[in-house]
């Protein structure tokens, strides 16, 4: 596990698996946080393929109405 950056403005966290079984699937997992929210997540597979997800316009728990959550997850 590695932690980089400044706790005031941003930080990045990276995980490298220790388990041999997991190492066959995932080379690295990481995330970046700026100020008060996560802005990106990244997974690098053992094959070298990378999936990067960039997050914008993030709503926090109190920002989303219960009805909207129920509709999104099919619990009308």
PDB file of N, CA and C in Angstrom:
ATOM      1  N   UNK A   1       0.850  -1.169   0.000  1.00  0.00           N
ATOM      2  CA  UNK A   1       0.000   0.000   0.000  1.00  0.00           C
ATOM      3  C   UNK A   1       0.891   1.227   0.000  1.00  0.00           C
ATOM      4  N   UNK A   2       0.523   2.213  -0.804  1.00  0.00           N
ATOM      5  CA  UNK A   2       1.267   3.463  -0.840  1.00  0.00           C
ATOM      6  C   UNK A   2       0.318   4.640  -0.763  1.00  0.00           C
ATOM      7  N   UNK A   3       0.737   5.669  -0.052  1.00  0.00           N
ATOM      8  CA  UNK A   3      -0.056   6.888   0.082  1.00  0.00           C
ATOM      9  C   UNK A   3       0.822   8.046  -0.363  1.00  0.00           C
ATOM     10  N   UNK A   4       0.295   8.864  -1.279  1.00  0.00           N
ATOM     11  CA  UNK A   4       1.069   9.953  -1.844  1.00  0.00           C
ATOM     12  C   UNK A   4       0.252  11.236  -1.777  1.00  0.00           C
ATOM     13  N   UNK A   5       0.920  12.378  -1.733  1.00  0.00           N
ATOM     14  CA  UNK A   5       0.231  13.661  -1.811  1.00  0.00           C
ATOM     15  C   UNK A   5       0.191  14.394  -0.492  1.00  0.00           C
ATOM     16  N   UNK A   6      -0.763  15.317  -0.443  1.00  0.00           N
ATOM     17  CA  UNK A   6      -0.932  16.187   0.709  1.00  0.00           C
ATOM     18  C   UNK A   6      -2.327  15.991   1.273  1.00  0.00           C
ATOM     19  N   UNK A   7      -2.455  15.833   2.565  1.00  0.00           N
ATOM     20  CA  UNK A   7      -3.778  15.639   3.150  1.00  0.00           C
ATOM     21  C   UNK A   7      -4.644  16.890   3.023  1.00  0.00           C
ATOM     22  N   UNK A   8      -4.046  18.044   2.738  1.00  0.00           N
ATOM     23  CA  UNK A   8      -4.804  19.289   2.612  1.00  0.00           C
ATOM     24  C   UNK A   8      -5.484  19.408   1.247  1.00  0.00           C
ATOM     25  N   UNK A   9      -4.764  19.144   0.163  1.00  0.00           N
ATOM     26  CA  UNK A   9      -5.282  19.384  -1.174  1.00  0.00           C
ATOM     27  C   UNK A   9      -5.671  18.105  -1.924  1.00  0.00           C
ATOM     28  N   UNK A  10      -4.841  17.108  -1.882  1.00  0.00           N
ATOM     29  CA  UNK A  10      -5.118  15.879  -2.609  1.00  0.00           C
ATOM     30  C   UNK A  10      -4.281  14.746  -2.039  1.00  0.00           C
ATOM     31  N   UNK A  11      -4.699  13.518  -2.366  1.00  0.00           N
ATOM     32  CA  UNK A  11      -3.886  12.356  -2.048  1.00  0.00           C
ATOM     33  C   UNK A  11      -4.234  11.225  -3.008  1.00  0.00           C
ATOM     34  N   UNK A  12      -3.307  10.324  -3.171  1.00  0.00           N
ATOM     35  CA  UNK A  12      -3.513   9.141  -4.003  1.00  0.00           C
ATOM     36  C   UNK A  12      -3.132   7.932  -3.170  1.00  0.00           C
ATOM     37  N   UNK A  13      -3.911   6.898  -3.311  1.00  0.00           N
ATOM     38  CA  UNK A  13      -3.702   5.670  -2.557  1.00  0.00           C
ATOM     39  C   UNK A  13      -3.571   4.527  -3.552  1.00  0.00           C
ATOM     40  N   UNK A  14      -2.553   3.701  -3.394  1.00  0.00           N
ATOM     41  CA  UNK A  14      -2.335   2.572  -4.300  1.00  0.00           C
ATOM     42  C   UNK A  14      -2.189   1.288  -3.497  1.00  0.00           C
ATOM     43  N   UNK A  15      -2.835   0.249  -3.977  1.00  0.00           N
ATOM     44  CA  UNK A  15      -2.767  -1.063  -3.339  1.00  0.00           C
ATOM     45  C   UNK A  15      -2.156  -2.062  -4.316  1.00  0.00           C
ATOM     46  N   UNK A  16      -1.247  -2.872  -3.828  1.00  0.00           N
ATOM     47  CA  UNK A  16      -0.670  -3.957  -4.602  1.00  0.00           C
ATOM     48  C   UNK A  16      -0.976  -5.244  -3.855  1.00  0.00           C
ATOM     49  N   UNK A  17      -1.586  -6.229  -4.521  1.00  0.00           N
ATOM     50  CA  UNK A  17      -1.969  -7.455  -3.817  1.00  0.00           C
ATOM     51  C   UNK A  17      -0.766  -8.242  -3.300  1.00  0.00           C
ATOM     52  N   UNK A  18      -0.946  -8.865  -2.155  1.00  0.00           N
ATOM     53  CA  UNK A  18       0.073  -9.746  -1.579  1.00  0.00           C
ATOM     54  C   UNK A  18      -0.236 -11.207  -1.884  1.00  0.00           C
ATOM     55  N   UNK A  19      -1.508 -11.527  -1.994  1.00  0.00           N
ATOM     56  CA  UNK A  19      -1.975 -12.887  -2.220  1.00  0.00           C
ATOM     57  C   UNK A  19      -1.642 -13.326  -3.651  1.00  0.00           C
ATOM     58  N   UNK A  20      -1.003 -14.499  -3.804  1.00  0.00           N
ATOM     59  CA  UNK A  20      -0.600 -14.980  -5.122  1.00  0.00           C
ATOM     60  C   UNK A  20      -1.781 -15.174  -6.067  1.00  0.00           C
ATOM     61  N   UNK A  21      -2.912 -15.628  -5.550  1.00  0.00           N
ATOM     62  CA  UNK A  21      -4.094 -15.819  -6.387  1.00  0.00           C
ATOM     63  C   UNK A  21      -4.580 -14.487  -6.942  1.00  0.00           C
ATOM     64  N   UNK A  22      -4.625 -13.463  -6.113  1.00  0.00           N
ATOM     65  CA  UNK A  22      -5.067 -12.144  -6.549  1.00  0.00           C
ATOM     66  C   UNK A  22      -4.051 -11.501  -7.494  1.00  0.00           C
ATOM     67  N   UNK A  23      -2.773 -11.755  -7.277  1.00  0.00           N
ATOM     68  CA  UNK A  23      -1.733 -11.209  -8.147  1.00  0.00           C
ATOM     69  C   UNK A  23      -1.894 -11.687  -9.588  1.00  0.00           C
ATOM     70  N   UNK A  24      -2.491 -12.856  -9.770  1.00  0.00           N
ATOM     71  CA  UNK A  24      -2.716 -13.381 -11.119  1.00  0.00           C
ATOM     72  C   UNK A  24      -3.782 -12.571 -11.855  1.00  0.00           C
ATOM     73  N   UNK A  25      -4.604 -11.825 -11.116  1.00  0.00           N
ATOM     74  CA  UNK A  25      -5.688 -11.039 -11.698  1.00  0.00           C
ATOM     75  C   UNK A  25      -5.409  -9.537 -11.714  1.00  0.00           C
ATOM     76  N   UNK A  26      -4.907  -9.026 -10.590  1.00  0.00           N
ATOM     77  CA  UNK A  26      -4.761  -7.576 -10.417  1.00  0.00           C
ATOM     78  C   UNK A  26      -3.319  -7.228 -10.083  1.00  0.00           C
ATOM     79  N   UNK A  27      -2.781  -6.284 -10.832  1.00  0.00           N
ATOM     80  CA  UNK A  27      -1.422  -5.816 -10.564  1.00  0.00           C
ATOM     81  C   UNK A  27      -1.433  -4.672  -9.555  1.00  0.00           C
ATOM     82  N   UNK A  28      -2.441  -3.781  -9.713  1.00  0.00           N
ATOM     83  CA  UNK A  28      -2.497  -2.599  -8.856  1.00  0.00           C
ATOM     84  C   UNK A  28      -3.901  -2.018  -8.852  1.00  0.00           C
ATOM     85  N   UNK A  29      -4.281  -1.405  -7.741  1.00  0.00           N
ATOM     86  CA  UNK A  29      -5.563  -0.725  -7.579  1.00  0.00           C
ATOM     87  C   UNK A  29      -5.274   0.610  -6.930  1.00  0.00           C
ATOM     88  N   UNK A  30      -5.869   1.672  -7.433  1.00  0.00           N
ATOM     89  CA  UNK A  30      -5.579   2.968  -6.855  1.00  0.00           C
ATOM     90  C   UNK A  30      -6.743   3.936  -6.947  1.00  0.00           C
ATOM     91  N   UNK A  31      -6.588   5.057  -6.283  1.00  0.00           N
ATOM     92  CA  UNK A  31      -7.602   6.096  -6.299  1.00  0.00           C
ATOM     93  C   UNK A  31      -6.977   7.437  -5.965  1.00  0.00           C
ATOM     94  N   UNK A  32      -7.614   8.505  -6.450  1.00  0.00           N
ATOM     95  CA  UNK A  32      -7.142   9.867  -6.180  1.00  0.00           C
ATOM     96  C   UNK A  32      -8.290  10.662  -5.577  1.00  0.00           C
ATOM     97  N   UNK A  33      -7.977  11.407  -4.560  1.00  0.00           N
ATOM     98  CA  UNK A  33      -8.965  12.250  -3.885  1.00  0.00           C
ATOM     99  C   UNK A  33      -8.444  13.680  -3.884  1.00  0.00           C
ATOM    100  N   UNK A  34      -9.340  14.617  -4.234  1.00  0.00           N
ATOM    101  CA  UNK A  34      -9.019  16.049  -4.172  1.00  0.00           C
ATOM    102  C   UNK A  34      -9.989  16.704  -3.211  1.00  0.00           C
ATOM    103  N   UNK A  35      -9.427  17.471  -2.318  1.00  0.00           N
ATOM    104  CA  UNK A  35     -10.227  18.168  -1.299  1.00  0.00           C
ATOM    105  C   UNK A  35     -11.152  17.185  -0.586  1.00  0.00           C
ATOM    106  N   UNK A  36     -12.466  17.229  -0.884  1.00  0.00           N
ATOM    107  CA  UNK A  36     -13.396  16.406  -0.115  1.00  0.00           C
ATOM    108  C   UNK A  36     -14.076  15.299  -0.919  1.00  0.00           C
ATOM    109  N   UNK A  37     -13.533  14.928  -2.094  1.00  0.00           N
ATOM    110  CA  UNK A  37     -14.166  13.844  -2.847  1.00  0.00           C
ATOM    111  C   UNK A  37     -13.173  13.073  -3.729  1.00  0.00           C
ATOM    112  N   UNK A  38     -13.500  11.822  -3.959  1.00  0.00           N
ATOM    113  CA  UNK A  38     -12.693  10.963  -4.830  1.00  0.00           C
ATOM    114  C   UNK A  38     -12.936  11.405  -6.264  1.00  0.00           C
ATOM    115  N   UNK A  39     -11.869  11.574  -7.044  1.00  0.00           N
ATOM    116  CA  UNK A  39     -12.017  12.027  -8.424  1.00  0.00           C
ATOM    117  C   UNK A  39     -11.687  10.954  -9.454  1.00  0.00           C
ATOM    118  N   UNK A  40     -10.944   9.924  -9.059  1.00  0.00           N
ATOM    119  CA  UNK A  40     -10.666   8.857 -10.010  1.00  0.00           C
ATOM    120  C   UNK A  40     -10.311   7.560  -9.300  1.00  0.00           C
ATOM    121  N   UNK A  41     -10.621   6.471  -9.988  1.00  0.00           N
ATOM    122  CA  UNK A  41     -10.291   5.128  -9.520  1.00  0.00           C
ATOM    123  C   UNK A  41      -9.604   4.413 -10.676  1.00  0.00           C
ATOM    124  N   UNK A  42      -8.633   3.564 -10.368  1.00  0.00           N
ATOM    125  CA  UNK A  42      -7.913   2.866 -11.433  1.00  0.00           C
ATOM    126  C   UNK A  42      -7.581   1.441 -10.998  1.00  0.00           C
ATOM    127  N   UNK A  43      -7.765   0.517 -11.926  1.00  0.00           N
ATOM    128  CA  UNK A  43      -7.373  -0.874 -11.706  1.00  0.00           C
ATOM    129  C   UNK A  43      -6.472  -1.282 -12.862  1.00  0.00           C
ATOM    130  N   UNK A  44      -5.302  -1.812 -12.548  1.00  0.00           N
ATOM    131  CA  UNK A  44      -4.412  -2.358 -13.561  1.00  0.00           C
ATOM    132  C   UNK A  44      -4.389  -3.862 -13.383  1.00  0.00           C
ATOM    133  N   UNK A  45      -4.837  -4.563 -14.419  1.00  0.00           N
ATOM    134  CA  UNK A  45      -4.893  -6.015 -14.366  1.00  0.00           C
ATOM    135  C   UNK A  45      -3.502  -6.605 -14.589  1.00  0.00           C
ATOM    136  N   UNK A  46      -3.325  -7.847 -14.214  1.00  0.00           N
ATOM    137  CA  UNK A  46      -2.051  -8.530 -14.389  1.00  0.00           C
ATOM    138  C   UNK A  46      -1.650  -8.578 -15.858  1.00  0.00           C
ATOM    139  N   UNK A  47      -2.631  -8.593 -16.754  1.00  0.00           N
ATOM    140  CA  UNK A  47      -2.371  -8.635 -18.200  1.00  0.00           C
ATOM    141  C   UNK A  47      -1.825  -7.311 -18.731  1.00  0.00           C
ATOM    142  N   UNK A  48      -1.942  -6.249 -17.908  1.00  0.00           N
ATOM    143  CA  UNK A  48      -1.503  -4.927 -18.332  1.00  0.00           C
ATOM    144  C   UNK A  48      -2.651  -4.010 -18.711  1.00  0.00           C
ATOM    145  N   UNK A  49      -3.852  -4.574 -18.926  1.00  0.00           N
ATOM    146  CA  UNK A  49      -5.022  -3.750 -19.218  1.00  0.00           C
ATOM    147  C   UNK A  49      -5.334  -2.868 -18.011  1.00  0.00           C
ATOM    148  N   UNK A  50      -5.779  -1.651 -18.288  1.00  0.00           N
ATOM    149  CA  UNK A  50      -6.105  -0.702 -17.227  1.00  0.00           C
ATOM    150  C   UNK A  50      -7.518  -0.167 -17.406  1.00  0.00           C
ATOM    151  N   UNK A  51      -8.248  -0.079 -16.313  1.00  0.00           N
ATOM    152  CA  UNK A  51      -9.559   0.549 -16.294  1.00  0.00           C
ATOM    153  C   UNK A  51      -9.462   1.784 -15.421  1.00  0.00           C
ATOM    154  N   UNK A  52      -9.785   2.937 -15.998  1.00  0.00           N
ATOM    155  CA  UNK A  52      -9.744   4.194 -15.254  1.00  0.00           C
ATOM    156  C   UNK A  52     -11.142   4.797 -15.247  1.00  0.00           C
ATOM    157  N   UNK A  53     -11.615   5.162 -14.081  1.00  0.00           N
ATOM    158  CA  UNK A  53     -12.926   5.785 -13.921  1.00  0.00           C
ATOM    159  C   UNK A  53     -12.720   7.171 -13.331  1.00  0.00           C
ATOM    160  N   UNK A  54     -13.218   8.181 -14.034  1.00  0.00           N
ATOM    161  CA  UNK A  54     -13.111   9.560 -13.550  1.00  0.00           C
ATOM    162  C   UNK A  54     -14.492  10.005 -13.089  1.00  0.00           C
ATOM    163  N   UNK A  55     -14.575  10.522 -11.883  1.00  0.00           N
ATOM    164  CA  UNK A  55     -15.843  10.884 -11.267  1.00  0.00           C
ATOM    165  C   UNK A  55     -16.033  12.398 -11.280  1.00  0.00           C
ATOM    166  N   UNK A  56     -17.232  12.834 -11.706  1.00  0.00           N
ATOM    167  CA  UNK A  56     -17.553  14.258 -11.703  1.00  0.00           C
ATOM    168  C   UNK A  56     -18.971  14.440 -11.171  1.00  0.00           C
ATOM    169  N   UNK A  57     -19.297  15.633 -10.774  1.00  0.00           N
ATOM    170  CA  UNK A  57     -20.642  15.959 -10.285  1.00  0.00           C
ATOM    171  C   UNK A  57     -21.146  14.941  -9.270  1.00  0.00           C
ATOM    172  N   UNK A  58     -20.340  14.678  -8.280  1.00  0.00           N
ATOM    173  CA  UNK A  58     -20.639  13.663  -7.275  1.00  0.00           C
ATOM    174  C   UNK A  58     -21.687  14.177  -6.292  1.00  0.00           C
ATOM    175  N   UNK A  59     -22.710  13.358  -6.071  1.00  0.00           N
ATOM    176  CA  UNK A  59     -23.726  13.663  -5.077  1.00  0.00           C
ATOM    177  C   UNK A  59     -23.455  12.836  -3.833  1.00  0.00           C
ATOM    178  N   UNK A  60     -23.582  13.448  -2.691  1.00  0.00           N
ATOM    179  CA  UNK A  60     -23.374  12.737  -1.432  1.00  0.00           C
ATOM    180  C   UNK A  60     -24.711  12.235  -0.911  1.00  0.00           C
ATOM    181  N   UNK A  61     -24.699  11.397   0.092  1.00  0.00           N
ATOM    182  CA  UNK A  61     -25.905  10.738   0.610  1.00  0.00           C
ATOM    183  C   UNK A  61     -27.111  11.656   0.748  1.00  0.00           C
ATOM    184  N   UNK A  62     -26.973  12.775   1.374  1.00  0.00           N
ATOM    185  CA  UNK A  62     -28.103  13.660   1.610  1.00  0.00           C
ATOM    186  C   UNK A  62     -28.572  14.403   0.372  1.00  0.00           C
ATOM    187  N   UNK A  63     -27.800  14.359  -0.714  1.00  0.00           N
ATOM    188  CA  UNK A  63     -28.131  15.087  -1.931  1.00  0.00           C
ATOM    189  C   UNK A  63     -29.087  14.332  -2.854  1.00  0.00           C
ATOM    190  N   UNK A  64     -29.315  13.060  -2.604  1.00  0.00           N
ATOM    191  CA  UNK A  64     -30.144  12.234  -3.485  1.00  0.00           C
ATOM    192  C   UNK A  64     -31.405  11.816  -2.727  1.00  0.00           C
ATOM    193  N   UNK A  65     -32.555  12.079  -3.328  1.00  0.00           N
ATOM    194  CA  UNK A  65     -33.833  11.746  -2.693  1.00  0.00           C
ATOM    195  C   UNK A  65     -34.054  10.236  -2.689  1.00  0.00           C
ATOM    196  N   UNK A  66     -34.738   9.733  -1.656  1.00  0.00           N
ATOM    197  CA  UNK A  66     -35.011   8.304  -1.526  1.00  0.00           C
ATOM    198  C   UNK A  66     -35.720   7.741  -2.757  1.00  0.00           C
ATOM    199  N   UNK A  67     -36.660   8.493  -3.315  1.00  0.00           N
ATOM    200  CA  UNK A  67     -37.409   8.034  -4.489  1.00  0.00           C
ATOM    201  C   UNK A  67     -36.487   7.852  -5.695  1.00  0.00           C
ATOM    202  N   UNK A  68     -35.509   8.742  -5.829  1.00  0.00           N
ATOM    203  CA  UNK A  68     -34.565   8.642  -6.930  1.00  0.00           C
ATOM    204  C   UNK A  68     -33.670   7.406  -6.774  1.00  0.00           C
ATOM    205  N   UNK A  69     -33.255   7.120  -5.560  1.00  0.00           N
ATOM    206  CA  UNK A  69     -32.452   5.930  -5.293  1.00  0.00           C
ATOM    207  C   UNK A  69     -33.263   4.675  -5.591  1.00  0.00           C
ATOM    208  N   UNK A  70     -34.506   4.639  -5.138  1.00  0.00           N
ATOM    209  CA  UNK A  70     -35.375   3.485  -5.367  1.00  0.00           C
ATOM    210  C   UNK A  70     -35.582   3.265  -6.863  1.00  0.00           C
ATOM    211  N   UNK A  71     -35.796   4.330  -7.629  1.00  0.00           N
ATOM    212  CA  UNK A  71     -35.998   4.206  -9.063  1.00  0.00           C
ATOM    213  C   UNK A  71     -34.738   3.695  -9.756  1.00  0.00           C
ATOM    214  N   UNK A  72     -33.583   4.152  -9.326  1.00  0.00           N
ATOM    215  CA  UNK A  72     -32.324   3.748  -9.948  1.00  0.00           C
ATOM    216  C   UNK A  72     -32.022   2.278  -9.725  1.00  0.00           C
ATOM    217  N   UNK A  73     -32.467   1.739  -8.593  1.00  0.00           N
ATOM    218  CA  UNK A  73     -32.187   0.344  -8.268  1.00  0.00           C
ATOM    219  C   UNK A  73     -33.416  -0.560  -8.429  1.00  0.00           C
ATOM    220  N   UNK A  74     -34.435  -0.043  -9.116  1.00  0.00           N
ATOM    221  CA  UNK A  74     -35.598  -0.863  -9.429  1.00  0.00           C
ATOM    222  C   UNK A  74     -36.482  -1.219  -8.249  1.00  0.00           C
ATOM    223  N   UNK A  75     -36.482  -0.411  -7.207  1.00  0.00           N
ATOM    224  CA  UNK A  75     -37.288  -0.704  -6.017  1.00  0.00           C
ATOM    225  C   UNK A  75     -38.467   0.258  -5.928  1.00  0.00           C
ATOM    226  N   UNK A  76     -39.141   0.474  -7.028  1.00  0.00           N
ATOM    227  CA  UNK A  76     -40.269   1.417  -7.049  1.00  0.00           C
ATOM    228  C   UNK A  76     -41.277   0.927  -6.106  1.00  0.00           C
TER     229      UNK A  76
END
